[in-house]
Amino acid sequence: MRETPFSLTFGMEAVIPVEIVVPSVRTENFDEQTNSERLHANLDLLEEDRERVRVRMAAYQHKVVWYYNIRVRNKVFRIDDLVLCKTGVSQPRERDKLAPNWKGLYQVDGIIKPRTDWLK
């Protein structure tokens, strides 16, 4: 069952104003005593619902990472290779729609550690 952010926070579903004006199954079958008992039961099960959502989110995030990683190809640069620099990384404030995405033609001057290079 899909949980809404409201139900994960408060342990119950919200009744929207339209449901009060236009009768729905929830508003027609409302019983205050039964509702109170169900609210207590929902609050008891709230942590389990949250944990189920955490597990589902972790599985989704793992799947997204896996999908991304199988398509990424690492590129190792050597000294004296020519590279371009993405402008959004080096100058994030100076971006507009028509600005170039890449700048310069830089030469790799040194390698600090894998995937971290000095440019000149």
N, C-alpha and C. Protein backbone atom coordinates (compact mmCIF):
# COMPACT_ATOMS: atom_id res chain seq x y z
N MET A 1 0.84 -1.19 0.00
CA MET A 1 0.00 0.00 0.00
C MET A 1 0.88 1.24 0.00
N ARG A 2 0.58 2.18 -0.83
CA ARG A 2 1.34 3.43 -0.90
C ARG A 2 0.90 4.36 0.22
N GLU A 3 1.88 4.92 0.90
CA GLU A 3 1.61 5.84 2.01
C GLU A 3 1.83 7.27 1.54
N THR A 4 1.02 8.18 2.01
CA THR A 4 1.21 9.59 1.70
C THR A 4 2.07 10.22 2.78
N PRO A 5 2.75 11.32 2.48
CA PRO A 5 3.53 12.01 3.52
C PRO A 5 2.68 12.40 4.72
N PHE A 6 1.43 12.78 4.49
CA PHE A 6 0.55 13.14 5.59
C PHE A 6 0.29 11.96 6.51
N SER A 7 0.02 10.80 5.92
CA SER A 7 -0.28 9.63 6.74
C SER A 7 0.96 9.15 7.49
N LEU A 8 2.15 9.31 6.91
CA LEU A 8 3.38 8.93 7.61
C LEU A 8 3.69 9.88 8.75
N THR A 9 3.25 11.12 8.64
CA THR A 9 3.50 12.10 9.70
C THR A 9 2.47 12.00 10.81
N PHE A 10 1.21 11.96 10.46
CA PHE A 10 0.14 12.03 11.46
C PHE A 10 -0.56 10.70 11.74
N GLY A 11 -0.26 9.68 10.96
CA GLY A 11 -0.84 8.37 11.21
C GLY A 11 -2.25 8.19 10.70
N MET A 12 -2.74 9.09 9.88
CA MET A 12 -4.10 8.99 9.34
C MET A 12 -4.16 9.75 8.01
N GLU A 13 -5.20 9.49 7.26
CA GLU A 13 -5.41 10.20 6.01
C GLU A 13 -6.23 11.46 6.26
N ALA A 14 -5.96 12.48 5.52
CA ALA A 14 -6.70 13.74 5.65
C ALA A 14 -8.01 13.66 4.87
N VAL A 15 -9.01 14.35 5.37
CA VAL A 15 -10.27 14.49 4.64
C VAL A 15 -10.23 15.86 3.99
N ILE A 16 -10.33 15.87 2.68
CA ILE A 16 -10.26 17.14 1.96
C ILE A 16 -11.62 17.83 1.98
N PRO A 17 -11.64 19.14 1.84
CA PRO A 17 -12.91 19.87 1.92
C PRO A 17 -13.97 19.40 0.93
N VAL A 18 -13.58 18.92 -0.22
CA VAL A 18 -14.55 18.44 -1.21
C VAL A 18 -15.31 17.24 -0.66
N GLU A 19 -14.65 16.39 0.12
CA GLU A 19 -15.31 15.21 0.67
C GLU A 19 -16.36 15.59 1.72
N ILE A 20 -16.22 16.75 2.33
CA ILE A 20 -17.21 17.20 3.30
C ILE A 20 -18.45 17.71 2.58
N VAL A 21 -18.26 18.44 1.48
CA VAL A 21 -19.39 19.00 0.72
C VAL A 21 -20.08 17.91 -0.10
N VAL A 22 -19.31 17.13 -0.85
CA VAL A 22 -19.86 16.07 -1.68
C VAL A 22 -19.69 14.76 -0.90
N PRO A 23 -20.75 14.06 -0.61
CA PRO A 23 -20.65 12.84 0.19
C PRO A 23 -19.78 11.78 -0.49
N SER A 24 -18.94 11.14 0.31
CA SER A 24 -18.12 10.04 -0.18
C SER A 24 -18.33 8.86 0.76
N VAL A 25 -17.75 7.73 0.43
CA VAL A 25 -17.90 6.53 1.25
C VAL A 25 -17.33 6.78 2.64
N ARG A 26 -16.20 7.48 2.70
CA ARG A 26 -15.59 7.73 4.01
C ARG A 26 -16.46 8.61 4.89
N THR A 27 -17.07 9.64 4.34
CA THR A 27 -17.87 10.55 5.16
C THR A 27 -19.25 9.98 5.46
N GLU A 28 -19.78 9.16 4.56
CA GLU A 28 -21.10 8.57 4.78
C GLU A 28 -21.05 7.50 5.87
N ASN A 29 -19.97 6.73 5.94
CA ASN A 29 -19.85 5.63 6.90
C ASN A 29 -19.06 6.03 8.15
N PHE A 30 -18.99 7.29 8.45
CA PHE A 30 -18.23 7.76 9.60
C PHE A 30 -18.95 7.45 10.90
N ASP A 31 -18.23 6.81 11.82
CA ASP A 31 -18.74 6.53 13.16
C ASP A 31 -17.65 6.96 14.13
N GLU A 32 -17.98 7.88 15.03
CA GLU A 32 -16.97 8.49 15.89
C GLU A 32 -16.29 7.47 16.80
N GLN A 33 -17.04 6.53 17.37
CA GLN A 33 -16.46 5.53 18.27
C GLN A 33 -15.51 4.61 17.51
N THR A 34 -15.96 4.09 16.37
CA THR A 34 -15.12 3.21 15.56
C THR A 34 -13.90 3.97 15.05
N ASN A 35 -14.10 5.22 14.66
CA ASN A 35 -13.00 6.04 14.17
C ASN A 35 -11.93 6.21 15.23
N SER A 36 -12.33 6.46 16.46
CA SER A 36 -11.37 6.64 17.55
C SER A 36 -10.56 5.37 17.77
N GLU A 37 -11.20 4.23 17.74
CA GLU A 37 -10.49 2.95 17.91
C GLU A 37 -9.51 2.72 16.76
N ARG A 38 -9.93 3.02 15.55
CA ARG A 38 -9.06 2.82 14.39
C ARG A 38 -7.87 3.79 14.42
N LEU A 39 -8.09 5.00 14.90
CA LEU A 39 -6.97 5.95 15.01
C LEU A 39 -5.92 5.44 15.97
N HIS A 40 -6.33 4.89 17.11
CA HIS A 40 -5.38 4.33 18.06
C HIS A 40 -4.63 3.15 17.44
N ALA A 41 -5.33 2.32 16.70
CA ALA A 41 -4.68 1.18 16.04
C ALA A 41 -3.70 1.68 14.98
N ASN A 42 -4.08 2.70 14.23
CA ASN A 42 -3.18 3.26 13.22
C ASN A 42 -1.94 3.86 13.85
N LEU A 43 -2.09 4.53 14.98
CA LEU A 43 -0.93 5.10 15.66
C LEU A 43 0.00 4.02 16.17
N ASP A 44 -0.56 2.87 16.58
CA ASP A 44 0.28 1.76 17.02
C ASP A 44 1.08 1.17 15.86
N LEU A 45 0.50 1.19 14.67
CA LEU A 45 1.16 0.61 13.50
C LEU A 45 1.97 1.63 12.69
N LEU A 46 1.99 2.87 13.13
CA LEU A 46 2.64 3.94 12.37
C LEU A 46 4.13 3.68 12.18
N GLU A 47 4.82 3.24 13.22
CA GLU A 47 6.26 2.99 13.10
C GLU A 47 6.54 1.87 12.10
N GLU A 48 5.68 0.85 12.08
CA GLU A 48 5.86 -0.23 11.11
C GLU A 48 5.67 0.29 9.69
N ASP A 49 4.69 1.15 9.48
CA ASP A 49 4.48 1.74 8.16
C ASP A 49 5.69 2.57 7.74
N ARG A 50 6.20 3.36 8.66
CA ARG A 50 7.38 4.17 8.35
C ARG A 50 8.58 3.30 8.00
N GLU A 51 8.77 2.22 8.75
CA GLU A 51 9.89 1.32 8.48
C GLU A 51 9.73 0.65 7.11
N ARG A 52 8.49 0.26 6.76
CA ARG A 52 8.25 -0.34 5.45
C ARG A 52 8.57 0.65 4.33
N VAL A 53 8.24 1.94 4.54
CA VAL A 53 8.54 2.97 3.54
C VAL A 53 10.06 3.18 3.46
N ARG A 54 10.76 3.17 4.61
CA ARG A 54 12.23 3.31 4.59
C ARG A 54 12.88 2.19 3.78
N VAL A 55 12.41 0.97 3.98
CA VAL A 55 12.96 -0.17 3.26
C VAL A 55 12.69 -0.02 1.76
N ARG A 56 11.48 0.39 1.40
CA ARG A 56 11.14 0.58 -0.01
C ARG A 56 11.97 1.69 -0.64
N MET A 57 12.19 2.79 0.12
CA MET A 57 13.03 3.88 -0.40
C MET A 57 14.47 3.44 -0.58
N ALA A 58 15.00 2.68 0.38
CA ALA A 58 16.38 2.20 0.26
C ALA A 58 16.53 1.28 -0.95
N ALA A 59 15.54 0.42 -1.18
CA ALA A 59 15.59 -0.47 -2.35
C ALA A 59 15.53 0.35 -3.64
N TYR A 60 14.68 1.37 -3.67
CA TYR A 60 14.58 2.23 -4.85
C TYR A 60 15.89 2.96 -5.10
N GLN A 61 16.48 3.53 -4.04
CA GLN A 61 17.73 4.26 -4.19
C GLN A 61 18.86 3.33 -4.64
N HIS A 62 18.88 2.12 -4.12
CA HIS A 62 19.89 1.14 -4.54
C HIS A 62 19.74 0.83 -6.02
N LYS A 63 18.49 0.68 -6.47
CA LYS A 63 18.23 0.40 -7.89
C LYS A 63 18.66 1.56 -8.77
N VAL A 64 18.41 2.80 -8.34
CA VAL A 64 18.81 3.97 -9.12
C VAL A 64 20.33 4.06 -9.21
N VAL A 65 21.02 3.82 -8.10
CA VAL A 65 22.49 3.86 -8.10
C VAL A 65 23.03 2.78 -9.03
N TRP A 66 22.48 1.58 -8.94
CA TRP A 66 22.93 0.50 -9.81
C TRP A 66 22.71 0.86 -11.27
N TYR A 67 21.54 1.39 -11.61
CA TYR A 67 21.23 1.76 -12.99
C TYR A 67 22.19 2.83 -13.50
N TYR A 68 22.53 3.79 -12.64
CA TYR A 68 23.47 4.85 -13.03
C TYR A 68 24.87 4.27 -13.22
N ASN A 69 25.30 3.45 -12.27
CA ASN A 69 26.68 2.95 -12.29
C ASN A 69 26.97 2.02 -13.45
N ILE A 70 25.99 1.28 -13.95
CA ILE A 70 26.29 0.38 -15.07
C ILE A 70 26.47 1.15 -16.38
N ARG A 71 26.03 2.40 -16.41
CA ARG A 71 26.14 3.20 -17.63
C ARG A 71 27.29 4.21 -17.59
N VAL A 72 27.90 4.39 -16.44
CA VAL A 72 28.99 5.36 -16.32
C VAL A 72 30.30 4.70 -16.69
N ARG A 73 31.07 5.38 -17.51
CA ARG A 73 32.39 4.89 -17.85
C ARG A 73 33.42 5.85 -17.26
N ASN A 74 34.29 5.32 -16.42
CA ASN A 74 35.34 6.15 -15.83
C ASN A 74 36.39 6.45 -16.87
N LYS A 75 36.90 7.67 -16.83
CA LYS A 75 37.96 8.09 -17.74
C LYS A 75 39.14 8.52 -16.90
N VAL A 76 40.24 7.89 -17.08
CA VAL A 76 41.45 8.24 -16.35
C VAL A 76 42.30 9.11 -17.26
N PHE A 77 42.65 10.30 -16.77
CA PHE A 77 43.47 11.22 -17.56
C PHE A 77 44.93 11.04 -17.18
N ARG A 78 45.80 11.26 -18.19
CA ARG A 78 47.23 11.21 -17.96
C ARG A 78 47.78 12.62 -18.11
N ILE A 79 48.98 12.81 -17.64
CA ILE A 79 49.63 14.12 -17.76
C ILE A 79 49.75 14.46 -19.24
N ASP A 80 49.49 15.72 -19.57
CA ASP A 80 49.52 16.30 -20.92
C ASP A 80 48.27 15.99 -21.76
N ASP A 81 47.26 15.33 -21.19
CA ASP A 81 45.98 15.17 -21.89
C ASP A 81 45.27 16.52 -21.93
N LEU A 82 44.51 16.77 -22.99
CA LEU A 82 43.72 17.99 -23.12
C LEU A 82 42.28 17.70 -22.70
N VAL A 83 41.73 18.59 -21.85
CA VAL A 83 40.39 18.38 -21.32
C VAL A 83 39.61 19.68 -21.34
N LEU A 84 38.27 19.57 -21.26
CA LEU A 84 37.38 20.71 -21.09
C LEU A 84 36.88 20.70 -19.65
N CYS A 85 36.53 21.89 -19.14
CA CYS A 85 36.03 22.03 -17.78
C CYS A 85 34.57 22.47 -17.84
N LYS A 86 33.70 21.79 -17.08
CA LYS A 86 32.28 22.15 -17.05
C LYS A 86 32.12 23.46 -16.28
N THR A 87 31.45 24.45 -16.87
CA THR A 87 31.37 25.78 -16.26
C THR A 87 30.47 25.82 -15.04
N GLY A 88 29.46 25.00 -14.94
CA GLY A 88 28.57 25.00 -13.79
C GLY A 88 29.27 24.61 -12.51
N VAL A 89 30.35 23.85 -12.61
CA VAL A 89 31.10 23.42 -11.44
C VAL A 89 32.02 24.54 -10.96
N SER A 90 32.70 25.18 -11.89
CA SER A 90 33.69 26.17 -11.49
C SER A 90 33.08 27.55 -11.24
N GLN A 91 31.98 27.88 -11.91
CA GLN A 91 31.35 29.19 -11.75
C GLN A 91 29.83 29.02 -11.66
N PRO A 92 29.31 28.53 -10.53
CA PRO A 92 27.87 28.24 -10.46
C PRO A 92 26.99 29.48 -10.52
N ARG A 93 27.48 30.65 -10.11
CA ARG A 93 26.66 31.87 -10.09
C ARG A 93 26.51 32.49 -11.48
N GLU A 94 27.45 32.27 -12.34
CA GLU A 94 27.46 32.93 -13.65
C GLU A 94 26.81 32.05 -14.71
N ARG A 95 25.63 31.52 -14.42
CA ARG A 95 24.95 30.65 -15.37
C ARG A 95 23.66 31.30 -15.85
N ASP A 96 23.44 31.26 -17.14
CA ASP A 96 22.16 31.61 -17.70
C ASP A 96 21.88 30.66 -18.84
N LYS A 97 20.75 30.80 -19.47
CA LYS A 97 20.30 29.82 -20.44
C LYS A 97 21.25 29.68 -21.64
N LEU A 98 21.81 30.78 -22.08
CA LEU A 98 22.63 30.75 -23.29
C LEU A 98 24.12 30.69 -23.01
N ALA A 99 24.51 30.54 -21.76
CA ALA A 99 25.94 30.46 -21.41
C ALA A 99 26.51 29.13 -21.90
N PRO A 100 27.79 29.11 -22.25
CA PRO A 100 28.39 27.85 -22.69
C PRO A 100 28.48 26.85 -21.53
N ASN A 101 28.34 25.57 -21.84
CA ASN A 101 28.39 24.53 -20.82
C ASN A 101 29.82 24.15 -20.45
N TRP A 102 30.75 24.37 -21.37
CA TRP A 102 32.14 23.97 -21.15
C TRP A 102 33.03 25.18 -21.39
N LYS A 103 34.18 25.19 -20.75
CA LYS A 103 35.11 26.30 -20.98
C LYS A 103 36.51 25.76 -21.19
N GLY A 104 37.26 26.56 -21.94
CA GLY A 104 38.68 26.33 -22.13
C GLY A 104 39.05 25.02 -22.77
N LEU A 105 40.31 24.90 -23.01
CA LEU A 105 40.95 23.66 -23.37
C LEU A 105 42.15 23.59 -22.44
N TYR A 106 42.06 22.79 -21.43
CA TYR A 106 43.07 22.72 -20.39
C TYR A 106 43.95 21.50 -20.59
N GLN A 107 45.14 21.60 -20.07
CA GLN A 107 46.09 20.50 -20.14
C GLN A 107 46.28 19.94 -18.73
N VAL A 108 46.26 18.63 -18.59
CA VAL A 108 46.47 18.01 -17.28
C VAL A 108 47.94 18.19 -16.92
N ASP A 109 48.18 18.87 -15.77
CA ASP A 109 49.54 19.20 -15.35
C ASP A 109 50.07 18.21 -14.32
N GLY A 110 49.20 17.64 -13.54
CA GLY A 110 49.63 16.68 -12.53
C GLY A 110 48.43 15.91 -12.00
N ILE A 111 48.72 14.77 -11.39
CA ILE A 111 47.66 13.94 -10.84
C ILE A 111 47.85 13.89 -9.33
N ILE A 112 46.85 14.41 -8.60
CA ILE A 112 46.92 14.43 -7.14
C ILE A 112 46.57 13.04 -6.59
N LYS A 113 45.46 12.51 -7.00
CA LYS A 113 45.01 11.17 -6.66
C LYS A 113 44.07 10.75 -7.79
N PRO A 114 43.64 9.50 -7.83
CA PRO A 114 42.75 9.10 -8.92
C PRO A 114 41.52 9.99 -9.03
N ARG A 115 41.22 10.44 -10.24
CA ARG A 115 40.09 11.32 -10.59
C ARG A 115 40.22 12.72 -10.01
N THR A 116 41.42 13.12 -9.60
CA THR A 116 41.66 14.49 -9.13
C THR A 116 42.95 14.96 -9.81
N ASP A 117 42.82 15.95 -10.71
CA ASP A 117 43.95 16.37 -11.52
C ASP A 117 44.19 17.87 -11.40
N TRP A 118 45.45 18.26 -11.57
CA TRP A 118 45.81 19.68 -11.71
C TRP A 118 45.69 20.06 -13.17
N LEU A 119 45.08 21.19 -13.44
CA LEU A 119 44.94 21.66 -14.83
C LEU A 119 45.73 22.94 -15.00
N LYS A 120 46.23 23.15 -16.24
CA LYS A 120 46.88 24.42 -16.56
C LYS A 120 46.40 24.92 -17.90
